[in-house]
Protein backbone atom coordinates (compact mmCIF):
# COMPACT_ATOMS: atom_id res chain seq x y z
CA UNK A 1 0.00 0.00 0.00
CA UNK A 2 1.29 3.42 -0.91
CA UNK A 3 0.00 6.56 0.76
CA UNK A 4 -0.38 9.81 -1.11
CA UNK A 5 0.80 13.06 0.43
CA UNK A 6 -1.92 15.23 1.98
CA UNK A 7 -3.81 17.69 -0.22
CA UNK A 8 -2.65 16.13 -3.49
CA UNK A 9 -6.13 15.35 -4.80
CA UNK A 10 -6.34 18.63 -6.72
CA UNK A 11 -3.02 17.87 -8.43
CA UNK A 12 -3.70 14.22 -9.21
CA UNK A 13 -7.34 14.52 -10.24
CA UNK A 14 -7.86 17.65 -12.37
CA UNK A 15 -10.49 15.84 -14.46
CA UNK A 16 -12.67 15.52 -11.37
CA UNK A 17 -12.46 19.25 -10.77
CA UNK A 18 -13.79 19.94 -14.24
CA UNK A 19 -16.79 17.69 -13.71
CA UNK A 20 -17.55 19.22 -10.32
CA UNK A 21 -17.34 22.72 -11.80
CA UNK A 22 -19.62 21.77 -14.69
CA UNK A 23 -22.27 20.25 -12.39
CA UNK A 24 -22.17 23.27 -10.07
CA UNK A 25 -22.55 25.73 -12.93
CA UNK A 26 -25.50 23.81 -14.41
CA UNK A 27 -27.14 23.57 -10.97
CA UNK A 28 -26.76 27.32 -10.49
CA UNK A 29 -28.29 27.86 -13.93
CA UNK A 30 -31.35 25.80 -12.90
CA UNK A 31 -31.59 27.83 -9.69
CA UNK A 32 -31.27 31.23 -11.36
CA UNK A 33 -33.67 30.28 -14.17
CA UNK A 34 -36.29 29.26 -11.63
CA UNK A 35 -35.83 32.39 -9.52
CA UNK A 36 -36.06 34.66 -12.56
CA UNK A 37 -39.18 32.91 -13.87
CA UNK A 38 -40.80 33.16 -10.43
CA UNK A 39 -39.97 36.87 -10.23
CA UNK A 40 -41.42 37.44 -13.68
CA UNK A 41 -44.65 35.64 -12.71
CA UNK A 42 -44.65 37.34 -9.27
CA UNK A 43 -44.63 33.96 -7.49
CA UNK A 44 -42.83 33.29 -4.24
CA UNK A 45 -41.75 29.64 -4.00
CA UNK A 46 -39.86 27.91 -1.26
CA UNK A 47 -37.23 25.43 -2.30
CA UNK A 48 -36.57 22.20 -0.45
CA UNK A 49 -33.99 19.44 -0.51
CA UNK A 50 -36.03 17.32 -2.92
CA UNK A 51 -36.10 20.09 -5.52
CA UNK A 52 -32.37 20.72 -5.08
CA UNK A 53 -31.63 17.01 -5.58
CA UNK A 54 -33.75 16.97 -8.74
CA UNK A 55 -31.78 19.95 -10.07
CA UNK A 56 -28.49 18.25 -9.22
CA UNK A 57 -29.63 15.09 -11.04
CA UNK A 58 -30.65 17.21 -14.01
CA UNK A 59 -27.30 18.99 -13.97
CA UNK A 60 -25.50 15.63 -13.90
CA UNK A 61 -27.59 14.35 -16.82
CA UNK A 62 -26.61 17.44 -18.86
CA UNK A 63 -22.90 16.55 -18.66
CA UNK A 64 -21.59 15.14 -21.95
PDB file of N, CA and C in Angstrom:
ATOM      1  N   UNK A   1       0.846  -1.159   0.000  1.00  0.00           N
ATOM      2  CA  UNK A   1       0.000   0.000   0.000  1.00  0.00           C
ATOM      3  C   UNK A   1       0.899   1.230   0.000  1.00  0.00           C
ATOM      4  N   UNK A   2       0.533   2.181  -0.826  1.00  0.00           N
ATOM      5  CA  UNK A   2       1.290   3.415  -0.905  1.00  0.00           C
ATOM      6  C   UNK A   2       0.360   4.574  -0.559  1.00  0.00           C
ATOM      7  N   UNK A   3       0.794   5.413   0.335  1.00  0.00           N
ATOM      8  CA  UNK A   3      -0.001   6.556   0.759  1.00  0.00           C
ATOM      9  C   UNK A   3       0.373   7.786  -0.053  1.00  0.00           C
ATOM     10  N   UNK A   4      -0.622   8.564  -0.403  1.00  0.00           N
ATOM     11  CA  UNK A   4      -0.384   9.812  -1.107  1.00  0.00           C
ATOM     12  C   UNK A   4      -0.148  10.925  -0.096  1.00  0.00           C
ATOM     13  N   UNK A   5       0.606  11.929  -0.472  1.00  0.00           N
ATOM     14  CA  UNK A   5       0.798  13.056   0.432  1.00  0.00           C
ATOM     15  C   UNK A   5      -0.523  13.808   0.632  1.00  0.00           C
ATOM     16  N   UNK A   6      -0.660  14.507   1.742  1.00  0.00           N
ATOM     17  CA  UNK A   6      -1.915  15.232   1.984  1.00  0.00           C
ATOM     18  C   UNK A   6      -2.127  16.341   0.952  1.00  0.00           C
ATOM     19  N   UNK A   7      -3.381  16.616   0.687  1.00  0.00           N
ATOM     20  CA  UNK A   7      -3.808  17.693  -0.217  1.00  0.00           C
ATOM     21  C   UNK A   7      -3.275  17.534  -1.640  1.00  0.00           C
ATOM     22  N   UNK A   8      -3.130  16.325  -2.121  1.00  0.00           N
ATOM     23  CA  UNK A   8      -2.651  16.132  -3.491  1.00  0.00           C
ATOM     24  C   UNK A   8      -3.791  15.790  -4.445  1.00  0.00           C
ATOM     25  N   UNK A   9      -5.002  15.719  -3.952  1.00  0.00           N
ATOM     26  CA  UNK A   9      -6.134  15.352  -4.805  1.00  0.00           C
ATOM     27  C   UNK A   9      -6.303  16.339  -5.951  1.00  0.00           C
ATOM     28  N   UNK A  10      -6.157  17.627  -5.676  1.00  0.00           N
ATOM     29  CA  UNK A  10      -6.336  18.631  -6.721  1.00  0.00           C
ATOM     30  C   UNK A  10      -5.270  18.497  -7.807  1.00  0.00           C
ATOM     31  N   UNK A  11      -4.098  18.023  -7.453  1.00  0.00           N
ATOM     32  CA  UNK A  11      -3.019  17.873  -8.428  1.00  0.00           C
ATOM     33  C   UNK A  11      -3.208  16.595  -9.237  1.00  0.00           C
ATOM     34  N   UNK A  12      -3.613  15.519  -8.567  1.00  0.00           N
ATOM     35  CA  UNK A  12      -3.699  14.217  -9.209  1.00  0.00           C
ATOM     36  C   UNK A  12      -5.010  13.983  -9.952  1.00  0.00           C
ATOM     37  N   UNK A  13      -6.038  14.753  -9.630  1.00  0.00           N
ATOM     38  CA  UNK A  13      -7.341  14.516 -10.239  1.00  0.00           C
ATOM     39  C   UNK A  13      -7.937  15.787 -10.837  1.00  0.00           C
ATOM     40  N   UNK A  14      -7.288  16.431 -11.797  1.00  0.00           N
ATOM     41  CA  UNK A  14      -7.864  17.652 -12.374  1.00  0.00           C
ATOM     42  C   UNK A  14      -9.132  17.388 -13.169  1.00  0.00           C
ATOM     43  N   UNK A  15      -9.282  16.176 -13.712  1.00  0.00           N
ATOM     44  CA  UNK A  15     -10.492  15.840 -14.463  1.00  0.00           C
ATOM     45  C   UNK A  15     -11.721  15.932 -13.560  1.00  0.00           C
ATOM     46  N   UNK A  16     -11.568  15.461 -12.319  1.00  0.00           N
ATOM     47  CA  UNK A  16     -12.670  15.519 -11.367  1.00  0.00           C
ATOM     48  C   UNK A  16     -13.089  16.944 -11.062  1.00  0.00           C
ATOM     49  N   UNK A  17     -12.126  17.848 -11.020  1.00  0.00           N
ATOM     50  CA  UNK A  17     -12.457  19.246 -10.767  1.00  0.00           C
ATOM     51  C   UNK A  17     -13.301  19.828 -11.892  1.00  0.00           C
ATOM     52  N   UNK A  18     -13.015  19.438 -13.115  1.00  0.00           N
ATOM     53  CA  UNK A  18     -13.793  19.940 -14.240  1.00  0.00           C
ATOM     54  C   UNK A  18     -15.232  19.468 -14.194  1.00  0.00           C
ATOM     55  N   UNK A  19     -15.427  18.226 -13.807  1.00  0.00           N
ATOM     56  CA  UNK A  19     -16.789  17.688 -13.710  1.00  0.00           C
ATOM     57  C   UNK A  19     -17.549  18.372 -12.584  1.00  0.00           C
ATOM     58  N   UNK A  20     -16.897  18.551 -11.442  1.00  0.00           N
ATOM     59  CA  UNK A  20     -17.548  19.222 -10.317  1.00  0.00           C
ATOM     60  C   UNK A  20     -17.938  20.645 -10.697  1.00  0.00           C
ATOM     61  N   UNK A  21     -17.050  21.355 -11.368  1.00  0.00           N
ATOM     62  CA  UNK A  21     -17.336  22.722 -11.798  1.00  0.00           C
ATOM     63  C   UNK A  21     -18.494  22.757 -12.782  1.00  0.00           C
ATOM     64  N   UNK A  22     -18.533  21.810 -13.697  1.00  0.00           N
ATOM     65  CA  UNK A  22     -19.616  21.767 -14.685  1.00  0.00           C
ATOM     66  C   UNK A  22     -20.963  21.492 -14.022  1.00  0.00           C
ATOM     67  N   UNK A  23     -21.001  20.565 -13.075  1.00  0.00           N
ATOM     68  CA  UNK A  23     -22.266  20.255 -12.390  1.00  0.00           C
ATOM     69  C   UNK A  23     -22.725  21.455 -11.572  1.00  0.00           C
ATOM     70  N   UNK A  24     -21.794  22.100 -10.872  1.00  0.00           N
ATOM     71  CA  UNK A  24     -22.168  23.268 -10.071  1.00  0.00           C
ATOM     72  C   UNK A  24     -22.712  24.397 -10.934  1.00  0.00           C
ATOM     73  N   UNK A  25     -22.081  24.637 -12.083  1.00  0.00           N
ATOM     74  CA  UNK A  25     -22.554  25.731 -12.932  1.00  0.00           C
ATOM     75  C   UNK A  25     -23.929  25.419 -13.518  1.00  0.00           C
ATOM     76  N   UNK A  26     -24.173  24.174 -13.883  1.00  0.00           N
ATOM     77  CA  UNK A  26     -25.499  23.806 -14.406  1.00  0.00           C
ATOM     78  C   UNK A  26     -26.558  23.873 -13.309  1.00  0.00           C
ATOM     79  N   UNK A  27     -26.205  23.476 -12.091  1.00  0.00           N
ATOM     80  CA  UNK A  27     -27.139  23.570 -10.966  1.00  0.00           C
ATOM     81  C   UNK A  27     -27.502  25.027 -10.710  1.00  0.00           C
ATOM     82  N   UNK A  28     -26.498  25.887 -10.709  1.00  0.00           N
ATOM     83  CA  UNK A  28     -26.763  27.315 -10.490  1.00  0.00           C
ATOM     84  C   UNK A  28     -27.625  27.897 -11.607  1.00  0.00           C
ATOM     85  N   UNK A  29     -27.445  27.402 -12.821  1.00  0.00           N
ATOM     86  CA  UNK A  29     -28.286  27.858 -13.932  1.00  0.00           C
ATOM     87  C   UNK A  29     -29.741  27.471 -13.699  1.00  0.00           C
ATOM     88  N   UNK A  30     -29.978  26.224 -13.238  1.00  0.00           N
ATOM     89  CA  UNK A  30     -31.347  25.799 -12.895  1.00  0.00           C
ATOM     90  C   UNK A  30     -31.925  26.718 -11.824  1.00  0.00           C
ATOM     91  N   UNK A  31     -31.128  27.001 -10.799  1.00  0.00           N
ATOM     92  CA  UNK A  31     -31.592  27.833  -9.690  1.00  0.00           C
ATOM     93  C   UNK A  31     -31.932  29.242 -10.166  1.00  0.00           C
ATOM     94  N   UNK A  32     -31.027  29.864 -10.896  1.00  0.00           N
ATOM     95  CA  UNK A  32     -31.273  31.229 -11.365  1.00  0.00           C
ATOM     96  C   UNK A  32     -32.437  31.302 -12.337  1.00  0.00           C
ATOM     97  N   UNK A  33     -32.547  30.308 -13.229  1.00  0.00           N
ATOM     98  CA  UNK A  33     -33.665  30.281 -14.172  1.00  0.00           C
ATOM     99  C   UNK A  33     -34.996  30.217 -13.425  1.00  0.00           C
ATOM    100  N   UNK A  34     -35.060  29.393 -12.401  1.00  0.00           N
ATOM    101  CA  UNK A  34     -36.292  29.262 -11.630  1.00  0.00           C
ATOM    102  C   UNK A  34     -36.615  30.545 -10.877  1.00  0.00           C
ATOM    103  N   UNK A  35     -35.603  31.145 -10.269  1.00  0.00           N
ATOM    104  CA  UNK A  35     -35.828  32.386  -9.523  1.00  0.00           C
ATOM    105  C   UNK A  35     -36.299  33.491 -10.458  1.00  0.00           C
ATOM    106  N   UNK A  36     -35.663  33.613 -11.624  1.00  0.00           N
ATOM    107  CA  UNK A  36     -36.062  34.663 -12.558  1.00  0.00           C
ATOM    108  C   UNK A  36     -37.469  34.444 -13.112  1.00  0.00           C
ATOM    109  N   UNK A  37     -37.818  33.200 -13.394  1.00  0.00           N
ATOM    110  CA  UNK A  37     -39.183  32.907 -13.871  1.00  0.00           C
ATOM    111  C   UNK A  37     -40.208  33.212 -12.786  1.00  0.00           C
ATOM    112  N   UNK A  38     -39.883  32.879 -11.532  1.00  0.00           N
ATOM    113  CA  UNK A  38     -40.801  33.164 -10.430  1.00  0.00           C
ATOM    114  C   UNK A  38     -40.961  34.669 -10.215  1.00  0.00           C
ATOM    115  N   UNK A  39     -39.872  35.417 -10.368  1.00  0.00           N
ATOM    116  CA  UNK A  39     -39.971  36.869 -10.229  1.00  0.00           C
ATOM    117  C   UNK A  39     -40.820  37.469 -11.341  1.00  0.00           C
ATOM    118  N   UNK A  40     -40.650  36.936 -12.547  1.00  0.00           N
ATOM    119  CA  UNK A  40     -41.418  37.441 -13.679  1.00  0.00           C
ATOM    120  C   UNK A  40     -42.909  37.178 -13.488  1.00  0.00           C
ATOM    121  N   UNK A  41     -43.245  36.011 -12.930  1.00  0.00           N
ATOM    122  CA  UNK A  41     -44.646  35.643 -12.706  1.00  0.00           C
ATOM    123  C   UNK A  41     -45.173  36.152 -11.365  1.00  0.00           C
ATOM    124  N   UNK A  42     -44.300  36.816 -10.589  1.00  0.00           N
ATOM    125  CA  UNK A  42     -44.647  37.337  -9.267  1.00  0.00           C
ATOM    126  C   UNK A  42     -45.102  36.213  -8.324  1.00  0.00           C
ATOM    127  N   UNK A  43     -44.356  35.116  -8.342  1.00  0.00           N
ATOM    128  CA  UNK A  43     -44.630  33.961  -7.490  1.00  0.00           C
ATOM    129  C   UNK A  43     -43.499  33.847  -6.474  1.00  0.00           C
ATOM    130  N   UNK A  44     -43.859  33.493  -5.243  1.00  0.00           N
ATOM    131  CA  UNK A  44     -42.834  33.291  -4.237  1.00  0.00           C
ATOM    132  C   UNK A  44     -42.846  31.814  -3.828  1.00  0.00           C
ATOM    133  N   UNK A  45     -41.856  31.071  -4.300  1.00  0.00           N
ATOM    134  CA  UNK A  45     -41.746  29.644  -3.996  1.00  0.00           C
ATOM    135  C   UNK A  45     -40.679  29.412  -2.946  1.00  0.00           C
ATOM    136  N   UNK A  46     -40.881  28.359  -2.193  1.00  0.00           N
ATOM    137  CA  UNK A  46     -39.855  27.913  -1.260  1.00  0.00           C
ATOM    138  C   UNK A  46     -39.240  26.650  -1.830  1.00  0.00           C
ATOM    139  N   UNK A  47     -37.936  26.588  -1.786  1.00  0.00           N
ATOM    140  CA  UNK A  47     -37.232  25.435  -2.302  1.00  0.00           C
ATOM    141  C   UNK A  47     -36.927  24.485  -1.157  1.00  0.00           C
ATOM    142  N   UNK A  48     -36.896  23.197  -1.469  1.00  0.00           N
ATOM    143  CA  UNK A  48     -36.572  22.203  -0.453  1.00  0.00           C
ATOM    144  C   UNK A  48     -35.475  21.279  -0.978  1.00  0.00           C
ATOM    145  N   UNK A  49     -35.090  20.337  -0.163  1.00  0.00           N
ATOM    146  CA  UNK A  49     -33.989  19.443  -0.511  1.00  0.00           C
ATOM    147  C   UNK A  49     -34.350  18.573  -1.715  1.00  0.00           C
ATOM    148  N   UNK A  50     -35.600  18.159  -1.804  1.00  0.00           N
ATOM    149  CA  UNK A  50     -36.026  17.319  -2.922  1.00  0.00           C
ATOM    150  C   UNK A  50     -35.851  18.049  -4.253  1.00  0.00           C
ATOM    151  N   UNK A  51     -36.248  19.294  -4.297  1.00  0.00           N
ATOM    152  CA  UNK A  51     -36.103  20.088  -5.517  1.00  0.00           C
ATOM    153  C   UNK A  51     -34.625  20.273  -5.851  1.00  0.00           C
ATOM    154  N   UNK A  52     -33.813  20.550  -4.845  1.00  0.00           N
ATOM    155  CA  UNK A  52     -32.372  20.720  -5.077  1.00  0.00           C
ATOM    156  C   UNK A  52     -31.752  19.435  -5.615  1.00  0.00           C
ATOM    157  N   UNK A  53     -32.154  18.292  -5.089  1.00  0.00           N
ATOM    158  CA  UNK A  53     -31.631  17.009  -5.578  1.00  0.00           C
ATOM    159  C   UNK A  53     -32.066  16.748  -7.018  1.00  0.00           C
ATOM    160  N   UNK A  54     -33.293  17.125  -7.358  1.00  0.00           N
ATOM    161  CA  UNK A  54     -33.746  16.967  -8.742  1.00  0.00           C
ATOM    162  C   UNK A  54     -32.927  17.842  -9.680  1.00  0.00           C
ATOM    163  N   UNK A  55     -32.594  19.069  -9.246  1.00  0.00           N
ATOM    164  CA  UNK A  55     -31.777  19.948 -10.073  1.00  0.00           C
ATOM    165  C   UNK A  55     -30.366  19.398 -10.213  1.00  0.00           C
ATOM    166  N   UNK A  56     -29.827  18.841  -9.148  1.00  0.00           N
ATOM    167  CA  UNK A  56     -28.487  18.249  -9.222  1.00  0.00           C
ATOM    168  C   UNK A  56     -28.485  17.064 -10.173  1.00  0.00           C
ATOM    169  N   UNK A  57     -29.522  16.228 -10.102  1.00  0.00           N
ATOM    170  CA  UNK A  57     -29.625  15.093 -11.036  1.00  0.00           C
ATOM    171  C   UNK A  57     -29.754  15.588 -12.469  1.00  0.00           C
ATOM    172  N   UNK A  58     -30.524  16.635 -12.679  1.00  0.00           N
ATOM    173  CA  UNK A  58     -30.653  17.206 -14.012  1.00  0.00           C
ATOM    174  C   UNK A  58     -29.343  17.797 -14.508  1.00  0.00           C
ATOM    175  N   UNK A  59     -28.606  18.432 -13.607  1.00  0.00           N
ATOM    176  CA  UNK A  59     -27.296  18.985 -13.972  1.00  0.00           C
ATOM    177  C   UNK A  59     -26.334  17.859 -14.343  1.00  0.00           C
ATOM    178  N   UNK A  60     -26.384  16.775 -13.603  1.00  0.00           N
ATOM    179  CA  UNK A  60     -25.501  15.627 -13.900  1.00  0.00           C
ATOM    180  C   UNK A  60     -25.873  15.013 -15.245  1.00  0.00           C
ATOM    181  N   UNK A  61     -27.156  14.931 -15.541  1.00  0.00           N
ATOM    182  CA  UNK A  61     -27.594  14.352 -16.825  1.00  0.00           C
ATOM    183  C   UNK A  61     -27.197  15.226 -18.007  1.00  0.00           C
ATOM    184  N   UNK A  62     -27.009  16.530 -17.778  1.00  0.00           N
ATOM    185  CA  UNK A  62     -26.606  17.442 -18.862  1.00  0.00           C
ATOM    186  C   UNK A  62     -25.137  17.321 -19.228  1.00  0.00           C
ATOM    187  N   UNK A  63     -24.334  16.676 -18.392  1.00  0.00           N
ATOM    188  CA  UNK A  63     -22.901  16.555 -18.658  1.00  0.00           C
ATOM    189  C   UNK A  63     -22.698  15.587 -19.828  1.00  0.00           C
ATOM    190  N   UNK A  64     -21.876  15.999 -20.788  1.00  0.00           N
ATOM    191  CA  UNK A  64     -21.595  15.144 -21.950  1.00  0.00           C
ATOM    192  C   UNK A  64     -20.577  14.078 -21.600  1.00  0.00           C
TER     193      UNK A  64
END
